[in-house]
């Protein structure tokens, strides 16, 4: 197998957490006296980090005010409705059994990502879990990718990133990684191809077969 390390985005890739994310944004906007966003609006807003999503939904001038509402509610409820996507556990286990390093590489707050991984029993299948606030960067900044590779002792040439959004594609391109997209999150297969993704899969099982077949 060509890849010795595989990085995974979290939301929309390994995890379906959109119900919880939507619930928290709806609660926040309601408290701000703004119309509650639809699930589709929240899905379209996420991916670039919490502050960016809030700016898109509540307006950039209300980010600080909204964060003061969102974060405590998120901490209290984030495990409610966190569901692994089909094939997530099996793919991580198969890669680990093949001697491949695996890690989460997400723009979700790192502390939340690690808490969810523990709750869902993924932590033993991961060599690392890197997210927002762990460094000064977010995807697609190449500095963030380089930090993750250094922490894992990995080389870009033998690392693949699996993700569901153009943020993940850009992170892979700027970091020199191979990219395999899954159409299980914020973007359809057509949108991912239009963004420039070469390898687009309907789900994690198909992505896993492609990764393991890569020579």
N, C-alpha and C. Protein backbone atom coordinates (compact mmCIF):
# COMPACT_ATOMS: atom_id res chain seq x y z
N UNK A 1 0.84 -1.19 0.00
CA UNK A 1 0.00 0.00 0.00
C UNK A 1 0.88 1.24 0.00
N UNK A 2 0.58 2.18 -0.90
CA UNK A 2 1.40 3.39 -1.03
C UNK A 2 1.35 4.26 0.22
N UNK A 3 0.17 4.37 0.81
CA UNK A 3 -0.01 5.33 1.89
C UNK A 3 0.35 4.71 3.24
N UNK A 4 1.21 5.41 3.96
CA UNK A 4 1.60 4.97 5.30
C UNK A 4 0.84 5.75 6.37
N UNK A 5 0.21 6.84 5.95
CA UNK A 5 -0.57 7.66 6.87
C UNK A 5 -1.84 8.10 6.14
N UNK A 6 -2.98 8.03 6.81
CA UNK A 6 -4.24 8.53 6.25
C UNK A 6 -4.88 9.45 7.28
N UNK A 7 -5.12 10.68 6.84
CA UNK A 7 -5.79 11.69 7.67
C UNK A 7 -7.26 11.75 7.27
N UNK A 8 -8.12 11.94 8.25
CA UNK A 8 -9.55 12.01 7.99
C UNK A 8 -10.12 13.30 8.55
N UNK A 9 -10.87 14.00 7.71
CA UNK A 9 -11.74 15.04 8.24
C UNK A 9 -12.75 14.35 9.17
N UNK A 10 -13.43 15.14 10.02
CA UNK A 10 -14.37 14.53 10.96
C UNK A 10 -15.82 14.67 10.48
N UNK A 11 -16.37 15.88 10.56
CA UNK A 11 -17.78 16.08 10.22
C UNK A 11 -18.02 15.82 8.74
N UNK A 12 -18.97 14.94 8.45
CA UNK A 12 -19.30 14.63 7.07
C UNK A 12 -18.40 13.59 6.45
N UNK A 13 -17.36 13.18 7.17
CA UNK A 13 -16.43 12.18 6.66
C UNK A 13 -16.47 10.92 7.53
N UNK A 14 -16.10 11.07 8.79
CA UNK A 14 -16.23 9.96 9.74
C UNK A 14 -17.51 10.05 10.55
N UNK A 15 -18.06 11.24 10.66
CA UNK A 15 -19.11 11.51 11.64
C UNK A 15 -20.27 12.28 11.02
N UNK A 16 -21.49 11.88 11.36
CA UNK A 16 -22.66 12.68 11.06
C UNK A 16 -23.03 13.43 12.33
N UNK A 17 -22.69 14.71 12.37
CA UNK A 17 -22.92 15.53 13.55
C UNK A 17 -23.79 16.75 13.22
N UNK A 18 -24.39 16.70 12.03
CA UNK A 18 -25.09 17.90 11.56
C UNK A 18 -26.33 18.22 12.39
N UNK A 19 -26.99 17.21 12.94
CA UNK A 19 -28.16 17.49 13.78
C UNK A 19 -27.75 18.30 15.00
N UNK A 20 -26.64 17.92 15.63
CA UNK A 20 -26.17 18.65 16.81
C UNK A 20 -25.68 20.05 16.45
N UNK A 21 -24.97 20.16 15.34
CA UNK A 21 -24.47 21.47 14.90
C UNK A 21 -25.63 22.40 14.57
N UNK A 22 -26.62 21.87 13.85
CA UNK A 22 -27.79 22.68 13.52
C UNK A 22 -28.53 23.11 14.77
N UNK A 23 -28.69 22.19 15.72
CA UNK A 23 -29.38 22.51 16.97
C UNK A 23 -28.71 23.67 17.69
N UNK A 24 -27.38 23.67 17.72
CA UNK A 24 -26.65 24.71 18.44
C UNK A 24 -26.72 26.05 17.71
N UNK A 25 -26.62 26.03 16.40
CA UNK A 25 -26.74 27.29 15.65
C UNK A 25 -28.17 27.84 15.75
N UNK A 26 -29.17 26.97 15.69
CA UNK A 26 -30.55 27.43 15.82
C UNK A 26 -30.79 28.05 17.19
N UNK A 27 -30.29 27.40 18.22
CA UNK A 27 -30.42 27.93 19.58
C UNK A 27 -29.75 29.30 19.70
N UNK A 28 -28.56 29.42 19.13
CA UNK A 28 -27.81 30.68 19.21
C UNK A 28 -28.53 31.81 18.49
N UNK A 29 -28.96 31.56 17.26
CA UNK A 29 -29.63 32.62 16.51
C UNK A 29 -30.96 32.99 17.15
N UNK A 30 -31.64 32.01 17.71
CA UNK A 30 -32.89 32.31 18.41
C UNK A 30 -32.63 33.24 19.60
N UNK A 31 -31.57 32.97 20.35
CA UNK A 31 -31.21 33.82 21.49
C UNK A 31 -30.79 35.22 21.05
N UNK A 32 -30.27 35.32 19.84
CA UNK A 32 -29.88 36.63 19.30
C UNK A 32 -31.05 37.38 18.68
N UNK A 33 -32.22 36.74 18.65
CA UNK A 33 -33.39 37.36 18.04
C UNK A 33 -33.39 37.30 16.53
N UNK A 34 -32.64 36.35 15.97
CA UNK A 34 -32.56 36.19 14.53
C UNK A 34 -33.34 34.95 14.09
N UNK A 35 -33.73 34.88 12.83
CA UNK A 35 -34.42 33.68 12.35
C UNK A 35 -33.53 32.45 12.47
N UNK A 36 -34.13 31.34 12.86
CA UNK A 36 -33.36 30.10 12.96
C UNK A 36 -32.95 29.64 11.56
N UNK A 37 -31.72 29.19 11.40
CA UNK A 37 -31.28 28.70 10.09
C UNK A 37 -31.85 27.31 9.81
N UNK A 38 -32.01 27.01 8.56
CA UNK A 38 -32.39 25.65 8.17
C UNK A 38 -31.17 24.74 8.25
N UNK A 39 -31.42 23.45 8.23
CA UNK A 39 -30.32 22.50 8.21
C UNK A 39 -29.46 22.71 6.97
N UNK A 40 -30.08 22.99 5.84
CA UNK A 40 -29.32 23.21 4.60
C UNK A 40 -28.43 24.43 4.73
N UNK A 41 -28.91 25.48 5.38
CA UNK A 41 -28.10 26.69 5.56
C UNK A 41 -26.91 26.42 6.46
N UNK A 42 -27.12 25.62 7.49
CA UNK A 42 -26.00 25.29 8.39
C UNK A 42 -24.99 24.42 7.66
N UNK A 43 -25.44 23.44 6.93
CA UNK A 43 -24.51 22.58 6.18
C UNK A 43 -23.67 23.40 5.21
N UNK A 44 -24.28 24.41 4.60
CA UNK A 44 -23.55 25.25 3.65
C UNK A 44 -22.56 26.17 4.35
N UNK A 45 -22.78 26.46 5.63
CA UNK A 45 -21.93 27.42 6.34
C UNK A 45 -20.71 26.79 6.99
N UNK A 46 -20.77 25.49 7.30
CA UNK A 46 -19.70 24.88 8.08
C UNK A 46 -18.55 24.42 7.19
N UNK A 47 -17.44 24.08 7.85
CA UNK A 47 -16.28 23.55 7.14
C UNK A 47 -15.04 24.38 7.30
N UNK A 48 -15.22 25.68 7.48
CA UNK A 48 -14.08 26.57 7.60
C UNK A 48 -13.79 27.01 9.01
N UNK A 49 -14.39 26.34 9.99
CA UNK A 49 -14.21 26.72 11.38
C UNK A 49 -15.46 27.38 11.94
N UNK A 50 -15.62 27.30 13.25
CA UNK A 50 -16.84 27.78 13.90
C UNK A 50 -17.06 29.27 13.69
N UNK A 51 -16.02 30.07 13.85
CA UNK A 51 -16.18 31.51 13.73
C UNK A 51 -16.66 31.90 12.33
N UNK A 52 -16.14 31.24 11.33
CA UNK A 52 -16.57 31.52 9.95
C UNK A 52 -18.03 31.14 9.75
N UNK A 53 -18.44 29.99 10.31
CA UNK A 53 -19.83 29.56 10.17
C UNK A 53 -20.76 30.55 10.84
N UNK A 54 -20.40 31.00 12.03
CA UNK A 54 -21.25 31.96 12.75
C UNK A 54 -21.33 33.27 11.99
N UNK A 55 -20.22 33.72 11.43
CA UNK A 55 -20.22 34.96 10.66
C UNK A 55 -21.16 34.86 9.47
N UNK A 56 -21.21 33.70 8.83
CA UNK A 56 -22.10 33.52 7.69
C UNK A 56 -23.56 33.48 8.11
N UNK A 57 -23.84 32.94 9.29
CA UNK A 57 -25.22 32.76 9.72
C UNK A 57 -25.77 33.95 10.50
N UNK A 58 -24.93 34.55 11.34
CA UNK A 58 -25.40 35.64 12.22
C UNK A 58 -24.88 37.01 11.81
N UNK A 59 -23.86 37.02 10.94
CA UNK A 59 -23.24 38.27 10.55
C UNK A 59 -21.91 38.45 11.26
N UNK A 60 -20.90 38.96 10.56
CA UNK A 60 -19.56 39.09 11.15
C UNK A 60 -19.51 39.99 12.36
N UNK A 61 -20.43 40.93 12.46
CA UNK A 61 -20.40 41.86 13.58
C UNK A 61 -20.94 41.24 14.87
N UNK A 62 -21.52 40.03 14.78
CA UNK A 62 -22.12 39.41 15.96
C UNK A 62 -21.41 38.12 16.38
N UNK A 63 -20.22 37.88 15.83
CA UNK A 63 -19.52 36.62 16.10
C UNK A 63 -19.21 36.48 17.59
N UNK A 64 -18.64 37.50 18.20
CA UNK A 64 -18.27 37.40 19.62
C UNK A 64 -19.50 37.17 20.49
N UNK A 65 -20.57 37.90 20.22
CA UNK A 65 -21.80 37.75 20.98
C UNK A 65 -22.38 36.34 20.80
N UNK A 66 -22.34 35.86 19.57
CA UNK A 66 -22.88 34.54 19.30
C UNK A 66 -22.04 33.44 19.94
N UNK A 67 -20.73 33.57 19.92
CA UNK A 67 -19.86 32.56 20.53
C UNK A 67 -20.15 32.41 22.02
N UNK A 68 -20.45 33.50 22.68
CA UNK A 68 -20.73 33.45 24.12
C UNK A 68 -21.99 32.65 24.41
N UNK A 69 -22.89 32.55 23.45
CA UNK A 69 -24.11 31.74 23.59
C UNK A 69 -23.86 30.31 23.11
N UNK A 70 -23.21 30.20 21.96
CA UNK A 70 -23.03 28.91 21.31
C UNK A 70 -22.16 27.96 22.13
N UNK A 71 -21.02 28.44 22.57
CA UNK A 71 -20.04 27.52 23.15
C UNK A 71 -20.53 26.80 24.41
N UNK A 72 -21.14 27.48 25.39
CA UNK A 72 -21.62 26.73 26.56
C UNK A 72 -22.70 25.71 26.20
N UNK A 73 -23.58 26.08 25.27
CA UNK A 73 -24.63 25.14 24.86
C UNK A 73 -24.02 23.96 24.12
N UNK A 74 -23.04 24.23 23.29
CA UNK A 74 -22.34 23.17 22.57
C UNK A 74 -21.67 22.21 23.53
N UNK A 75 -20.96 22.73 24.53
CA UNK A 75 -20.28 21.87 25.49
C UNK A 75 -21.26 20.97 26.23
N UNK A 76 -22.45 21.48 26.48
CA UNK A 76 -23.45 20.72 27.22
C UNK A 76 -24.15 19.67 26.38
N UNK A 77 -24.17 19.84 25.06
CA UNK A 77 -25.02 18.99 24.23
C UNK A 77 -24.30 18.30 23.08
N UNK A 78 -22.99 18.49 22.93
CA UNK A 78 -22.33 18.06 21.70
C UNK A 78 -22.37 16.55 21.47
N UNK A 79 -22.50 15.76 22.52
CA UNK A 79 -22.53 14.31 22.32
C UNK A 79 -23.91 13.80 21.94
N UNK A 80 -24.92 14.66 22.06
CA UNK A 80 -26.28 14.25 21.71
C UNK A 80 -26.43 14.25 20.19
N UNK A 81 -26.56 13.09 19.61
CA UNK A 81 -26.75 12.99 18.17
C UNK A 81 -25.47 12.82 17.38
N UNK A 82 -24.35 12.52 18.05
CA UNK A 82 -23.10 12.24 17.33
C UNK A 82 -23.12 10.79 16.86
N UNK A 83 -23.12 10.59 15.55
CA UNK A 83 -23.28 9.24 14.98
C UNK A 83 -22.17 8.99 13.96
N UNK A 84 -21.50 7.85 14.08
CA UNK A 84 -20.49 7.49 13.09
C UNK A 84 -21.15 7.20 11.75
N UNK A 85 -20.51 7.62 10.68
CA UNK A 85 -20.98 7.27 9.35
C UNK A 85 -20.65 5.80 9.06
N UNK A 86 -21.46 5.14 8.24
CA UNK A 86 -21.22 3.73 7.94
C UNK A 86 -19.80 3.48 7.43
N UNK A 87 -19.17 2.48 8.00
CA UNK A 87 -17.83 2.08 7.56
C UNK A 87 -16.70 2.79 8.24
N UNK A 88 -16.98 3.79 9.08
CA UNK A 88 -15.89 4.57 9.69
C UNK A 88 -15.01 3.71 10.59
N UNK A 89 -15.62 3.03 11.52
CA UNK A 89 -14.84 2.21 12.45
C UNK A 89 -14.10 1.10 11.71
N UNK A 90 -14.79 0.48 10.76
CA UNK A 90 -14.19 -0.63 10.04
C UNK A 90 -12.98 -0.19 9.22
N UNK A 91 -13.07 0.97 8.58
CA UNK A 91 -11.95 1.45 7.78
C UNK A 91 -10.76 1.81 8.65
N UNK A 92 -11.00 2.51 9.75
CA UNK A 92 -9.90 2.84 10.65
C UNK A 92 -9.23 1.57 11.18
N UNK A 93 -10.02 0.58 11.54
CA UNK A 93 -9.46 -0.66 12.07
C UNK A 93 -8.64 -1.38 11.00
N UNK A 94 -9.14 -1.40 9.78
CA UNK A 94 -8.43 -2.08 8.70
C UNK A 94 -7.09 -1.40 8.39
N UNK A 95 -7.10 -0.08 8.39
CA UNK A 95 -5.86 0.64 8.14
C UNK A 95 -4.85 0.40 9.25
N UNK A 96 -5.32 0.47 10.48
CA UNK A 96 -4.40 0.21 11.60
C UNK A 96 -3.84 -1.20 11.54
N UNK A 97 -4.68 -2.17 11.18
CA UNK A 97 -4.21 -3.55 11.08
C UNK A 97 -3.15 -3.71 10.00
N UNK A 98 -3.20 -2.83 8.98
CA UNK A 98 -2.22 -2.86 7.89
C UNK A 98 -0.97 -2.04 8.22
N UNK A 99 -0.90 -1.52 9.43
CA UNK A 99 0.27 -0.74 9.84
C UNK A 99 0.26 0.70 9.40
N UNK A 100 -0.92 1.21 9.00
CA UNK A 100 -1.05 2.59 8.54
C UNK A 100 -1.41 3.48 9.72
N UNK A 101 -0.75 4.63 9.83
CA UNK A 101 -1.11 5.61 10.85
C UNK A 101 -2.39 6.32 10.43
N UNK A 102 -3.25 6.56 11.38
CA UNK A 102 -4.52 7.23 11.11
C UNK A 102 -4.70 8.38 12.10
N UNK A 103 -5.31 9.47 11.61
CA UNK A 103 -5.55 10.62 12.49
C UNK A 103 -6.73 11.42 11.98
N UNK A 104 -7.37 12.12 12.89
CA UNK A 104 -8.39 13.09 12.53
C UNK A 104 -7.72 14.44 12.30
N UNK A 105 -8.14 15.11 11.23
CA UNK A 105 -7.59 16.41 10.84
C UNK A 105 -8.79 17.28 10.49
N UNK A 106 -9.21 18.13 11.43
CA UNK A 106 -10.51 18.78 11.33
C UNK A 106 -10.43 20.26 11.69
N UNK A 107 -11.41 21.01 11.21
CA UNK A 107 -11.57 22.40 11.65
C UNK A 107 -12.57 22.52 12.79
N UNK A 108 -13.11 21.41 13.26
CA UNK A 108 -13.87 21.41 14.52
C UNK A 108 -12.89 21.66 15.65
N UNK A 109 -13.34 22.30 16.72
CA UNK A 109 -12.45 22.51 17.87
C UNK A 109 -11.83 21.18 18.28
N UNK A 110 -10.51 21.19 18.46
CA UNK A 110 -9.79 19.96 18.78
C UNK A 110 -10.30 19.28 20.03
N UNK A 111 -10.61 20.05 21.06
CA UNK A 111 -11.11 19.46 22.30
C UNK A 111 -12.42 18.73 22.07
N UNK A 112 -13.30 19.31 21.25
CA UNK A 112 -14.57 18.66 20.93
C UNK A 112 -14.33 17.40 20.12
N UNK A 113 -13.44 17.47 19.14
CA UNK A 113 -13.14 16.32 18.30
C UNK A 113 -12.63 15.15 19.13
N UNK A 114 -11.73 15.42 20.07
CA UNK A 114 -11.18 14.35 20.90
C UNK A 114 -12.23 13.79 21.85
N UNK A 115 -13.09 14.65 22.37
CA UNK A 115 -14.16 14.19 23.25
C UNK A 115 -15.13 13.27 22.51
N UNK A 116 -15.46 13.63 21.28
CA UNK A 116 -16.36 12.81 20.47
C UNK A 116 -15.70 11.47 20.13
N UNK A 117 -14.42 11.50 19.77
CA UNK A 117 -13.71 10.27 19.44
C UNK A 117 -13.68 9.31 20.63
N UNK A 118 -13.47 9.83 21.82
CA UNK A 118 -13.52 9.00 23.02
C UNK A 118 -14.91 8.43 23.22
N UNK A 119 -15.92 9.28 23.08
CA UNK A 119 -17.31 8.86 23.30
C UNK A 119 -17.73 7.75 22.35
N UNK A 120 -17.28 7.82 21.11
CA UNK A 120 -17.68 6.86 20.09
C UNK A 120 -16.73 5.68 19.97
N UNK A 121 -15.70 5.65 20.80
CA UNK A 121 -14.77 4.54 20.81
C UNK A 121 -13.76 4.54 19.68
N UNK A 122 -13.53 5.71 19.08
CA UNK A 122 -12.56 5.80 17.99
C UNK A 122 -11.14 6.06 18.46
N UNK A 123 -10.99 6.59 19.65
CA UNK A 123 -9.66 7.02 20.10
C UNK A 123 -8.61 5.92 20.00
N UNK A 124 -8.91 4.66 20.35
CA UNK A 124 -7.88 3.62 20.22
C UNK A 124 -7.46 3.33 18.78
N UNK A 125 -8.25 3.80 17.82
CA UNK A 125 -7.95 3.56 16.41
C UNK A 125 -7.23 4.73 15.76
N UNK A 126 -6.87 5.74 16.55
CA UNK A 126 -6.26 6.95 16.01
C UNK A 126 -4.88 7.18 16.62
N UNK A 127 -3.95 7.63 15.77
CA UNK A 127 -2.63 8.03 16.24
C UNK A 127 -2.58 9.50 16.60
N UNK A 128 -3.62 10.25 16.26
CA UNK A 128 -3.68 11.67 16.58
C UNK A 128 -5.05 12.22 16.26
N UNK A 129 -5.33 13.38 16.84
CA UNK A 129 -6.63 14.03 16.60
C UNK A 129 -6.37 15.53 16.70
N UNK A 130 -6.35 16.21 15.56
CA UNK A 130 -5.92 17.59 15.46
C UNK A 130 -7.06 18.47 14.97
N UNK A 131 -7.31 19.57 15.70
CA UNK A 131 -8.41 20.44 15.32
C UNK A 131 -8.15 21.90 15.60
N UNK A 132 -9.20 22.69 15.44
CA UNK A 132 -9.11 24.13 15.68
C UNK A 132 -8.73 24.40 17.12
N UNK A 133 -7.96 25.45 17.31
CA UNK A 133 -7.45 25.92 18.59
C UNK A 133 -6.26 25.10 19.10
N UNK A 134 -5.94 23.98 18.44
CA UNK A 134 -4.72 23.24 18.80
C UNK A 134 -3.48 23.98 18.31
N UNK A 135 -3.64 24.73 17.23
CA UNK A 135 -2.56 25.55 16.67
C UNK A 135 -3.16 26.90 16.29
N UNK A 136 -2.36 27.73 15.68
CA UNK A 136 -2.86 29.03 15.22
C UNK A 136 -3.57 28.93 13.87
N UNK A 137 -3.63 27.72 13.28
CA UNK A 137 -4.09 27.58 11.90
C UNK A 137 -5.36 26.76 11.80
N UNK A 138 -6.01 26.89 10.65
CA UNK A 138 -7.11 26.04 10.23
C UNK A 138 -6.81 25.51 8.84
N UNK A 139 -7.44 24.40 8.46
CA UNK A 139 -7.38 23.99 7.07
C UNK A 139 -7.99 25.09 6.20
N UNK A 140 -7.40 25.40 5.06
CA UNK A 140 -6.37 24.65 4.35
C UNK A 140 -4.94 25.17 4.54
N UNK A 141 -4.66 25.92 5.60
CA UNK A 141 -3.31 26.48 5.78
C UNK A 141 -2.26 25.37 5.75
N UNK A 142 -1.25 25.49 4.89
CA UNK A 142 -0.24 24.43 4.81
C UNK A 142 0.54 24.26 6.11
N UNK A 143 0.58 25.32 6.92
CA UNK A 143 1.27 25.21 8.21
C UNK A 143 0.59 24.21 9.14
N UNK A 144 -0.74 24.16 9.05
CA UNK A 144 -1.49 23.21 9.88
C UNK A 144 -1.19 21.78 9.43
N UNK A 145 -1.20 21.57 8.11
CA UNK A 145 -0.88 20.25 7.58
C UNK A 145 0.53 19.83 7.97
N UNK A 146 1.48 20.75 7.84
CA UNK A 146 2.86 20.43 8.19
C UNK A 146 2.99 20.08 9.67
N UNK A 147 2.26 20.81 10.52
CA UNK A 147 2.28 20.51 11.96
C UNK A 147 1.79 19.09 12.22
N UNK A 148 0.70 18.70 11.57
CA UNK A 148 0.14 17.36 11.76
C UNK A 148 1.13 16.29 11.29
N UNK A 149 1.73 16.50 10.13
CA UNK A 149 2.70 15.52 9.63
C UNK A 149 3.89 15.39 10.57
N UNK A 150 4.38 16.51 11.09
CA UNK A 150 5.50 16.44 12.04
C UNK A 150 5.10 15.66 13.29
N UNK A 151 3.93 15.94 13.81
CA UNK A 151 3.48 15.28 15.04
C UNK A 151 3.34 13.78 14.85
N UNK A 152 2.98 13.36 13.63
CA UNK A 152 2.79 11.94 13.35
C UNK A 152 4.06 11.26 12.84
N UNK A 153 5.10 12.04 12.55
CA UNK A 153 6.30 11.49 11.94
C UNK A 153 6.02 10.98 10.54
N UNK A 154 5.17 11.68 9.82
CA UNK A 154 4.71 11.25 8.50
C UNK A 154 5.31 12.12 7.41
N UNK A 155 5.33 11.58 6.19
CA UNK A 155 5.80 12.31 5.01
C UNK A 155 4.61 12.60 4.11
N UNK A 156 4.61 13.79 3.53
CA UNK A 156 3.50 14.17 2.65
C UNK A 156 3.35 13.20 1.48
N UNK A 157 4.45 12.71 0.96
CA UNK A 157 4.40 11.86 -0.23
C UNK A 157 3.70 10.53 0.01
N UNK A 158 3.63 10.10 1.27
CA UNK A 158 2.98 8.83 1.58
C UNK A 158 1.77 9.03 2.49
N UNK A 159 1.16 10.22 2.39
CA UNK A 159 -0.02 10.53 3.20
C UNK A 159 -1.19 10.90 2.31
N UNK A 160 -2.36 10.40 2.65
CA UNK A 160 -3.61 10.76 1.97
C UNK A 160 -4.54 11.43 2.96
N UNK A 161 -5.34 12.34 2.46
CA UNK A 161 -6.38 12.99 3.24
C UNK A 161 -7.73 12.59 2.66
N UNK A 162 -8.63 12.15 3.53
CA UNK A 162 -10.00 11.81 3.13
C UNK A 162 -10.92 12.88 3.71
N UNK A 163 -11.70 13.53 2.86
CA UNK A 163 -12.58 14.61 3.33
C UNK A 163 -13.77 14.78 2.43
N UNK A 164 -14.66 15.70 2.85
CA UNK A 164 -15.93 15.87 2.15
C UNK A 164 -16.14 17.26 1.59
N UNK A 165 -15.11 18.12 1.62
CA UNK A 165 -15.34 19.50 1.21
C UNK A 165 -14.16 20.09 0.46
N UNK A 166 -14.39 21.21 -0.23
CA UNK A 166 -13.28 21.91 -0.88
C UNK A 166 -12.20 22.39 0.09
N UNK A 167 -12.54 22.62 1.36
CA UNK A 167 -11.51 22.95 2.35
C UNK A 167 -10.51 21.81 2.47
N UNK A 168 -11.02 20.57 2.47
CA UNK A 168 -10.14 19.41 2.56
C UNK A 168 -9.29 19.26 1.29
N UNK A 169 -9.93 19.47 0.14
CA UNK A 169 -9.19 19.42 -1.12
C UNK A 169 -8.08 20.45 -1.14
N UNK A 170 -8.37 21.67 -0.71
CA UNK A 170 -7.34 22.72 -0.69
C UNK A 170 -6.24 22.39 0.29
N UNK A 171 -6.59 21.82 1.43
CA UNK A 171 -5.56 21.43 2.41
C UNK A 171 -4.63 20.38 1.83
N UNK A 172 -5.20 19.41 1.12
CA UNK A 172 -4.37 18.37 0.50
C UNK A 172 -3.46 18.97 -0.56
N UNK A 173 -4.00 19.82 -1.41
CA UNK A 173 -3.20 20.42 -2.47
C UNK A 173 -2.06 21.25 -1.90
N UNK A 174 -2.38 22.11 -0.94
CA UNK A 174 -1.37 23.01 -0.39
C UNK A 174 -0.36 22.28 0.48
N UNK A 175 -0.75 21.10 1.00
CA UNK A 175 0.15 20.35 1.85
C UNK A 175 0.88 19.23 1.14
N UNK A 176 0.60 19.03 -0.16
CA UNK A 176 1.28 17.99 -0.92
C UNK A 176 0.77 16.59 -0.66
N UNK A 177 -0.50 16.47 -0.25
CA UNK A 177 -1.08 15.17 0.07
C UNK A 177 -1.96 14.67 -1.08
N UNK A 178 -2.12 13.37 -1.17
CA UNK A 178 -3.15 12.81 -2.03
C UNK A 178 -4.51 13.08 -1.39
N UNK A 179 -5.53 13.20 -2.23
CA UNK A 179 -6.86 13.50 -1.70
C UNK A 179 -7.89 12.53 -2.24
N UNK A 180 -8.69 11.99 -1.33
CA UNK A 180 -9.83 11.15 -1.70
C UNK A 180 -11.07 11.76 -1.05
N UNK A 181 -12.03 12.13 -1.89
CA UNK A 181 -13.24 12.78 -1.41
C UNK A 181 -14.34 11.75 -1.19
N UNK A 182 -15.18 12.03 -0.18
CA UNK A 182 -16.38 11.23 0.03
C UNK A 182 -17.59 12.17 -0.03
N UNK A 183 -18.62 11.72 -0.72
CA UNK A 183 -19.82 12.55 -0.91
C UNK A 183 -20.84 12.25 0.18
N UNK A 184 -20.39 12.30 1.43
CA UNK A 184 -21.24 11.97 2.57
C UNK A 184 -21.46 13.16 3.49
N UNK A 185 -20.99 14.33 3.07
CA UNK A 185 -21.06 15.49 3.95
C UNK A 185 -21.68 16.70 3.32
N UNK A 186 -20.91 17.77 3.25
CA UNK A 186 -21.46 19.06 2.85
C UNK A 186 -21.59 19.23 1.34
N UNK A 187 -20.89 18.41 0.55
CA UNK A 187 -20.86 18.61 -0.89
C UNK A 187 -21.16 17.31 -1.63
N UNK A 188 -21.88 17.45 -2.74
CA UNK A 188 -22.21 16.29 -3.57
C UNK A 188 -20.98 15.87 -4.37
N UNK A 189 -21.08 14.68 -4.98
CA UNK A 189 -20.00 14.20 -5.82
C UNK A 189 -19.75 15.16 -6.98
N UNK A 190 -20.82 15.70 -7.55
CA UNK A 190 -20.66 16.63 -8.66
C UNK A 190 -19.95 17.91 -8.21
N UNK A 191 -20.30 18.41 -7.04
CA UNK A 191 -19.65 19.62 -6.53
C UNK A 191 -18.19 19.37 -6.22
N UNK A 192 -17.88 18.21 -5.69
CA UNK A 192 -16.48 17.90 -5.37
C UNK A 192 -15.66 17.77 -6.65
N UNK A 193 -16.22 17.14 -7.67
CA UNK A 193 -15.49 17.05 -8.94
C UNK A 193 -15.31 18.43 -9.56
N UNK A 194 -16.35 19.26 -9.48
CA UNK A 194 -16.26 20.61 -10.03
C UNK A 194 -15.19 21.42 -9.31
N UNK A 195 -14.96 21.13 -8.03
CA UNK A 195 -13.93 21.83 -7.28
C UNK A 195 -12.53 21.34 -7.63
N UNK A 196 -12.46 20.21 -8.33
CA UNK A 196 -11.17 19.71 -8.77
C UNK A 196 -10.75 18.39 -8.17
N UNK A 197 -11.61 17.76 -7.38
CA UNK A 197 -11.26 16.47 -6.79
C UNK A 197 -11.21 15.40 -7.86
N UNK A 198 -10.14 14.65 -7.90
CA UNK A 198 -9.98 13.59 -8.91
C UNK A 198 -10.60 12.29 -8.45
N UNK A 199 -10.42 11.96 -7.18
CA UNK A 199 -10.92 10.70 -6.63
C UNK A 199 -12.12 11.01 -5.74
N UNK A 200 -13.30 10.70 -6.21
CA UNK A 200 -14.53 10.98 -5.48
C UNK A 200 -15.29 9.68 -5.28
N UNK A 201 -15.67 9.41 -4.03
CA UNK A 201 -16.30 8.14 -3.68
C UNK A 201 -17.65 8.38 -3.02
N UNK A 202 -18.58 7.45 -3.19
CA UNK A 202 -19.89 7.63 -2.58
C UNK A 202 -19.89 7.49 -1.07
N UNK A 203 -18.91 6.76 -0.52
CA UNK A 203 -18.90 6.51 0.92
C UNK A 203 -17.50 6.06 1.35
N UNK A 204 -17.36 5.82 2.65
CA UNK A 204 -16.06 5.44 3.19
C UNK A 204 -15.62 4.06 2.74
N UNK A 205 -16.56 3.16 2.55
CA UNK A 205 -16.18 1.82 2.10
C UNK A 205 -15.48 1.89 0.74
N UNK A 206 -16.05 2.69 -0.17
CA UNK A 206 -15.43 2.84 -1.49
C UNK A 206 -14.10 3.56 -1.39
N UNK A 207 -14.02 4.57 -0.54
CA UNK A 207 -12.75 5.27 -0.35
C UNK A 207 -11.69 4.33 0.20
N UNK A 208 -12.08 3.48 1.14
CA UNK A 208 -11.13 2.53 1.72
C UNK A 208 -10.59 1.57 0.69
N UNK A 209 -11.45 1.08 -0.19
CA UNK A 209 -10.98 0.17 -1.23
C UNK A 209 -9.98 0.86 -2.14
N UNK A 210 -10.25 2.11 -2.47
CA UNK A 210 -9.33 2.85 -3.33
C UNK A 210 -7.99 3.10 -2.64
N UNK A 211 -8.04 3.43 -1.36
CA UNK A 211 -6.80 3.68 -0.62
C UNK A 211 -5.96 2.41 -0.53
N UNK A 212 -6.60 1.30 -0.26
CA UNK A 212 -5.87 0.06 -0.10
C UNK A 212 -5.37 -0.49 -1.42
N UNK A 213 -5.99 -0.07 -2.53
CA UNK A 213 -5.55 -0.52 -3.85
C UNK A 213 -4.46 0.36 -4.43
N UNK A 214 -4.23 1.53 -3.83
CA UNK A 214 -3.25 2.46 -4.37
C UNK A 214 -1.85 1.84 -4.29
N UNK A 215 -1.16 1.83 -5.44
CA UNK A 215 0.16 1.24 -5.49
C UNK A 215 1.25 2.27 -5.37
